[in-house]
């Protein structure tokens, strides 16, 4: 499960880079949405990983 946590974190960071870097207006909007989605997935998988590991 920690593997997926790291994958979601990397995807969230990349999407945030594009979204908050001001690449293009359409791409920035999509990247901001992806950033939020993958950040939530990262947090959920982190919590599930901690709960299962404990």
PDB file of N, CA and C in Angstrom:
ATOM      1  N   UNK A   1       0.828  -1.191   0.000  1.00  0.00           N
ATOM      2  CA  UNK A   1       0.000   0.000   0.000  1.00  0.00           C
ATOM      3  C   UNK A   1       0.872   1.255   0.000  1.00  0.00           C
ATOM      4  N   UNK A   2       2.035   1.198   0.631  1.00  0.00           N
ATOM      5  CA  UNK A   2       2.911   2.355   0.647  1.00  0.00           C
ATOM      6  C   UNK A   2       3.438   2.673  -0.748  1.00  0.00           C
ATOM      7  N   UNK A   3       3.540   1.661  -1.583  1.00  0.00           N
ATOM      8  CA  UNK A   3       3.954   1.875  -2.971  1.00  0.00           C
ATOM      9  C   UNK A   3       2.985   2.822  -3.667  1.00  0.00           C
ATOM     10  N   UNK A   4       1.694   2.566  -3.494  1.00  0.00           N
ATOM     11  CA  UNK A   4       0.680   3.414  -4.125  1.00  0.00           C
ATOM     12  C   UNK A   4       0.681   4.807  -3.517  1.00  0.00           C
ATOM     13  N   UNK A   5       0.979   4.903  -2.241  1.00  0.00           N
ATOM     14  CA  UNK A   5       1.063   6.204  -1.591  1.00  0.00           C
ATOM     15  C   UNK A   5       2.127   7.059  -2.255  1.00  0.00           C
ATOM     16  N   UNK A   6       3.277   6.469  -2.508  1.00  0.00           N
ATOM     17  CA  UNK A   6       4.355   7.212  -3.153  1.00  0.00           C
ATOM     18  C   UNK A   6       4.009   7.569  -4.594  1.00  0.00           C
ATOM     19  N   UNK A   7       3.349   6.664  -5.300  1.00  0.00           N
ATOM     20  CA  UNK A   7       2.928   6.947  -6.675  1.00  0.00           C
ATOM     21  C   UNK A   7       1.969   8.129  -6.700  1.00  0.00           C
ATOM     22  N   UNK A   8       0.974   8.129  -5.810  1.00  0.00           N
ATOM     23  CA  UNK A   8       0.009   9.228  -5.760  1.00  0.00           C
ATOM     24  C   UNK A   8       0.693  10.539  -5.393  1.00  0.00           C
ATOM     25  N   UNK A   9       1.680  10.483  -4.504  1.00  0.00           N
ATOM     26  CA  UNK A   9       2.395  11.691  -4.120  1.00  0.00           C
ATOM     27  C   UNK A   9       3.149  12.277  -5.308  1.00  0.00           C
ATOM     28  N   UNK A  10       3.831  11.435  -6.052  1.00  0.00           N
ATOM     29  CA  UNK A  10       4.584  11.905  -7.215  1.00  0.00           C
ATOM     30  C   UNK A  10       3.644  12.492  -8.260  1.00  0.00           C
ATOM     31  N   UNK A  11       2.534  11.821  -8.517  1.00  0.00           N
ATOM     32  CA  UNK A  11       1.573  12.327  -9.500  1.00  0.00           C
ATOM     33  C   UNK A  11       0.982  13.651  -9.032  1.00  0.00           C
ATOM     34  N   UNK A  12       0.687  13.771  -7.744  1.00  0.00           N
ATOM     35  CA  UNK A  12       0.148  15.021  -7.207  1.00  0.00           C
ATOM     36  C   UNK A  12       1.155  16.152  -7.341  1.00  0.00           C
ATOM     37  N   UNK A  13       2.413  15.864  -7.082  1.00  0.00           N
ATOM     38  CA  UNK A  13       3.439  16.895  -7.207  1.00  0.00           C
ATOM     39  C   UNK A  13       3.626  17.338  -8.650  1.00  0.00           C
ATOM     40  N   UNK A  14       3.613  16.393  -9.576  1.00  0.00           N
ATOM     41  CA  UNK A  14       3.753  16.737 -10.992  1.00  0.00           C
ATOM     42  C   UNK A  14       2.556  17.547 -11.466  1.00  0.00           C
ATOM     43  N   UNK A  15       1.356  17.118 -11.087  1.00  0.00           N
ATOM     44  CA  UNK A  15       0.155  17.866 -11.476  1.00  0.00           C
ATOM     45  C   UNK A  15       0.171  19.258 -10.860  1.00  0.00           C
ATOM     46  N   UNK A  16       0.625  19.369  -9.631  1.00  0.00           N
ATOM     47  CA  UNK A  16       0.721  20.672  -8.986  1.00  0.00           C
ATOM     48  C   UNK A  16       1.736  21.575  -9.658  1.00  0.00           C
ATOM     49  N   UNK A  17       2.848  20.993 -10.082  1.00  0.00           N
ATOM     50  CA  UNK A  17       3.861  21.767 -10.799  1.00  0.00           C
ATOM     51  C   UNK A  17       3.283  22.382 -12.063  1.00  0.00           C
ATOM     52  N   UNK A  18       2.582  21.572 -12.833  1.00  0.00           N
ATOM     53  CA  UNK A  18       1.981  22.081 -14.061  1.00  0.00           C
ATOM     54  C   UNK A  18       0.841  23.050 -13.766  1.00  0.00           C
ATOM     55  N   UNK A  19       0.040  22.727 -12.787  1.00  0.00           N
ATOM     56  CA  UNK A  19      -1.142  23.535 -12.489  1.00  0.00           C
ATOM     57  C   UNK A  19      -0.814  24.885 -11.888  1.00  0.00           C
ATOM     58  N   UNK A  20       0.146  24.910 -10.986  1.00  0.00           N
ATOM     59  CA  UNK A  20       0.458  26.157 -10.306  1.00  0.00           C
ATOM     60  C   UNK A  20       1.622  26.883 -10.974  1.00  0.00           C
ATOM     61  N   UNK A  21       2.225  26.270 -11.979  1.00  0.00           N
ATOM     62  CA  UNK A  21       3.319  26.907 -12.699  1.00  0.00           C
ATOM     63  C   UNK A  21       2.849  27.827 -13.804  1.00  0.00           C
ATOM     64  N   UNK A  22       1.589  27.749 -14.205  1.00  0.00           N
ATOM     65  CA  UNK A  22       1.041  28.637 -15.219  1.00  0.00           C
ATOM     66  C   UNK A  22       1.402  28.234 -16.639  1.00  0.00           C
ATOM     67  N   UNK A  23       1.329  26.954 -16.970  1.00  0.00           N
ATOM     68  CA  UNK A  23       1.681  26.477 -18.307  1.00  0.00           C
ATOM     69  C   UNK A  23       0.715  27.044 -19.336  1.00  0.00           C
ATOM     70  N   UNK A  24      -0.517  26.700 -19.234  1.00  0.00           N
ATOM     71  CA  UNK A  24      -1.572  27.220 -20.100  1.00  0.00           C
ATOM     72  C   UNK A  24      -2.862  27.167 -19.294  1.00  0.00           C
ATOM     73  N   UNK A  25      -3.806  27.998 -19.655  1.00  0.00           N
ATOM     74  CA  UNK A  25      -5.009  28.102 -18.823  1.00  0.00           C
ATOM     75  C   UNK A  25      -5.792  26.795 -18.756  1.00  0.00           C
ATOM     76  N   UNK A  26      -5.985  26.124 -19.881  1.00  0.00           N
ATOM     77  CA  UNK A  26      -6.739  24.870 -19.872  1.00  0.00           C
ATOM     78  C   UNK A  26      -5.960  23.773 -19.162  1.00  0.00           C
ATOM     79  N   UNK A  27      -4.698  23.645 -19.495  1.00  0.00           N
ATOM     80  CA  UNK A  27      -3.865  22.625 -18.860  1.00  0.00           C
ATOM     81  C   UNK A  27      -3.723  22.903 -17.365  1.00  0.00           C
ATOM     82  N   UNK A  28      -3.685  24.169 -17.002  1.00  0.00           N
ATOM     83  CA  UNK A  28      -3.557  24.525 -15.591  1.00  0.00           C
ATOM     84  C   UNK A  28      -4.812  24.132 -14.819  1.00  0.00           C
ATOM     85  N   UNK A  29      -5.972  24.345 -15.411  1.00  0.00           N
ATOM     86  CA  UNK A  29      -7.219  23.959 -14.751  1.00  0.00           C
ATOM     87  C   UNK A  29      -7.306  22.466 -14.542  1.00  0.00           C
ATOM     88  N   UNK A  30      -6.947  21.722 -15.571  1.00  0.00           N
ATOM     89  CA  UNK A  30      -6.964  20.258 -15.477  1.00  0.00           C
ATOM     90  C   UNK A  30      -5.945  19.785 -14.443  1.00  0.00           C
ATOM     91  N   UNK A  31      -4.775  20.390 -14.448  1.00  0.00           N
ATOM     92  CA  UNK A  31      -3.729  19.980 -13.514  1.00  0.00           C
ATOM     93  C   UNK A  31      -4.118  20.285 -12.071  1.00  0.00           C
ATOM     94  N   UNK A  32      -4.820  21.383 -11.855  1.00  0.00           N
ATOM     95  CA  UNK A  32      -5.260  21.704 -10.491  1.00  0.00           C
ATOM     96  C   UNK A  32      -6.265  20.674  -9.991  1.00  0.00           C
ATOM     97  N   UNK A  33      -7.156  20.253 -10.873  1.00  0.00           N
ATOM     98  CA  UNK A  33      -8.129  19.223 -10.495  1.00  0.00           C
ATOM     99  C   UNK A  33      -7.412  17.906 -10.214  1.00  0.00           C
ATOM    100  N   UNK A  34      -6.481  17.529 -11.088  1.00  0.00           N
ATOM    101  CA  UNK A  34      -5.723  16.297 -10.883  1.00  0.00           C
ATOM    102  C   UNK A  34      -4.903  16.362  -9.596  1.00  0.00           C
ATOM    103  N   UNK A  35      -4.346  17.525  -9.325  1.00  0.00           N
ATOM    104  CA  UNK A  35      -3.579  17.701  -8.092  1.00  0.00           C
ATOM    105  C   UNK A  35      -4.449  17.412  -6.878  1.00  0.00           C
ATOM    106  N   UNK A  36      -5.639  17.952  -6.868  1.00  0.00           N
ATOM    107  CA  UNK A  36      -6.546  17.746  -5.736  1.00  0.00           C
ATOM    108  C   UNK A  36      -6.954  16.279  -5.614  1.00  0.00           C
ATOM    109  N   UNK A  37      -7.283  15.657  -6.747  1.00  0.00           N
ATOM    110  CA  UNK A  37      -7.711  14.255  -6.734  1.00  0.00           C
ATOM    111  C   UNK A  37      -6.597  13.351  -6.209  1.00  0.00           C
ATOM    112  N   UNK A  38      -5.392  13.516  -6.760  1.00  0.00           N
ATOM    113  CA  UNK A  38      -4.306  12.628  -6.361  1.00  0.00           C
ATOM    114  C   UNK A  38      -3.790  12.946  -4.963  1.00  0.00           C
ATOM    115  N   UNK A  39      -3.953  14.182  -4.523  1.00  0.00           N
ATOM    116  CA  UNK A  39      -3.589  14.499  -3.151  1.00  0.00           C
ATOM    117  C   UNK A  39      -4.526  13.789  -2.174  1.00  0.00           C
ATOM    118  N   UNK A  40      -5.800  13.768  -2.495  1.00  0.00           N
ATOM    119  CA  UNK A  40      -6.770  13.044  -1.663  1.00  0.00           C
ATOM    120  C   UNK A  40      -6.471  11.547  -1.688  1.00  0.00           C
ATOM    121  N   UNK A  41      -6.192  11.003  -2.872  1.00  0.00           N
ATOM    122  CA  UNK A  41      -5.859   9.575  -2.966  1.00  0.00           C
ATOM    123  C   UNK A  41      -4.593   9.250  -2.178  1.00  0.00           C
ATOM    124  N   UNK A  42      -3.623  10.158  -2.221  1.00  0.00           N
ATOM    125  CA  UNK A  42      -2.395   9.980  -1.453  1.00  0.00           C
ATOM    126  C   UNK A  42      -2.700   9.906   0.039  1.00  0.00           C
ATOM    127  N   UNK A  43      -3.512  10.838   0.522  1.00  0.00           N
ATOM    128  CA  UNK A  43      -3.837  10.863   1.948  1.00  0.00           C
ATOM    129  C   UNK A  43      -4.635   9.634   2.373  1.00  0.00           C
ATOM    130  N   UNK A  44      -5.587   9.217   1.538  1.00  0.00           N
ATOM    131  CA  UNK A  44      -6.392   8.037   1.858  1.00  0.00           C
ATOM    132  C   UNK A  44      -5.514   6.791   1.912  1.00  0.00           C
ATOM    133  N   UNK A  45      -4.650   6.618   0.916  1.00  0.00           N
ATOM    134  CA  UNK A  45      -3.802   5.424   0.904  1.00  0.00           C
ATOM    135  C   UNK A  45      -2.781   5.465   2.038  1.00  0.00           C
ATOM    136  N   UNK A  46      -2.349   6.653   2.434  1.00  0.00           N
ATOM    137  CA  UNK A  46      -1.432   6.771   3.565  1.00  0.00           C
ATOM    138  C   UNK A  46      -2.117   6.345   4.860  1.00  0.00           C
ATOM    139  N   UNK A  47      -3.335   6.793   5.063  1.00  0.00           N
ATOM    140  CA  UNK A  47      -4.087   6.429   6.267  1.00  0.00           C
ATOM    141  C   UNK A  47      -4.372   4.934   6.285  1.00  0.00           C
ATOM    142  N   UNK A  48      -4.788   4.379   5.159  1.00  0.00           N
ATOM    143  CA  UNK A  48      -5.073   2.943   5.090  1.00  0.00           C
ATOM    144  C   UNK A  48      -3.798   2.145   5.346  1.00  0.00           C
ATOM    145  N   UNK A  49      -2.676   2.600   4.798  1.00  0.00           N
ATOM    146  CA  UNK A  49      -1.411   1.912   5.027  1.00  0.00           C
ATOM    147  C   UNK A  49      -0.992   1.930   6.483  1.00  0.00           C
ATOM    148  N   UNK A  50      -1.212   3.050   7.139  1.00  0.00           N
ATOM    149  CA  UNK A  50      -0.863   3.154   8.560  1.00  0.00           C
ATOM    150  C   UNK A  50      -1.779   2.270   9.398  1.00  0.00           C
ATOM    151  N   UNK A  51      -3.062   2.259   9.072  1.00  0.00           N
ATOM    152  CA  UNK A  51      -4.015   1.443   9.830  1.00  0.00           C
ATOM    153  C   UNK A  51      -3.712  -0.042   9.653  1.00  0.00           C
ATOM    154  N   UNK A  52      -3.418  -0.457   8.433  1.00  0.00           N
ATOM    155  CA  UNK A  52      -3.123  -1.878   8.192  1.00  0.00           C
ATOM    156  C   UNK A  52      -1.791  -2.283   8.792  1.00  0.00           C
ATOM    157  N   UNK A  53      -0.843  -1.359   8.826  1.00  0.00           N
ATOM    158  CA  UNK A  53       0.473  -1.671   9.374  1.00  0.00           C
ATOM    159  C   UNK A  53       0.482  -1.753  10.890  1.00  0.00           C
ATOM    160  N   UNK A  54      -0.479  -1.107  11.521  1.00  0.00           N
ATOM    161  CA  UNK A  54      -0.483  -1.059  12.995  1.00  0.00           C
ATOM    162  C   UNK A  54      -1.134  -2.270  13.616  1.00  0.00           C
TER     163      UNK A  54
END
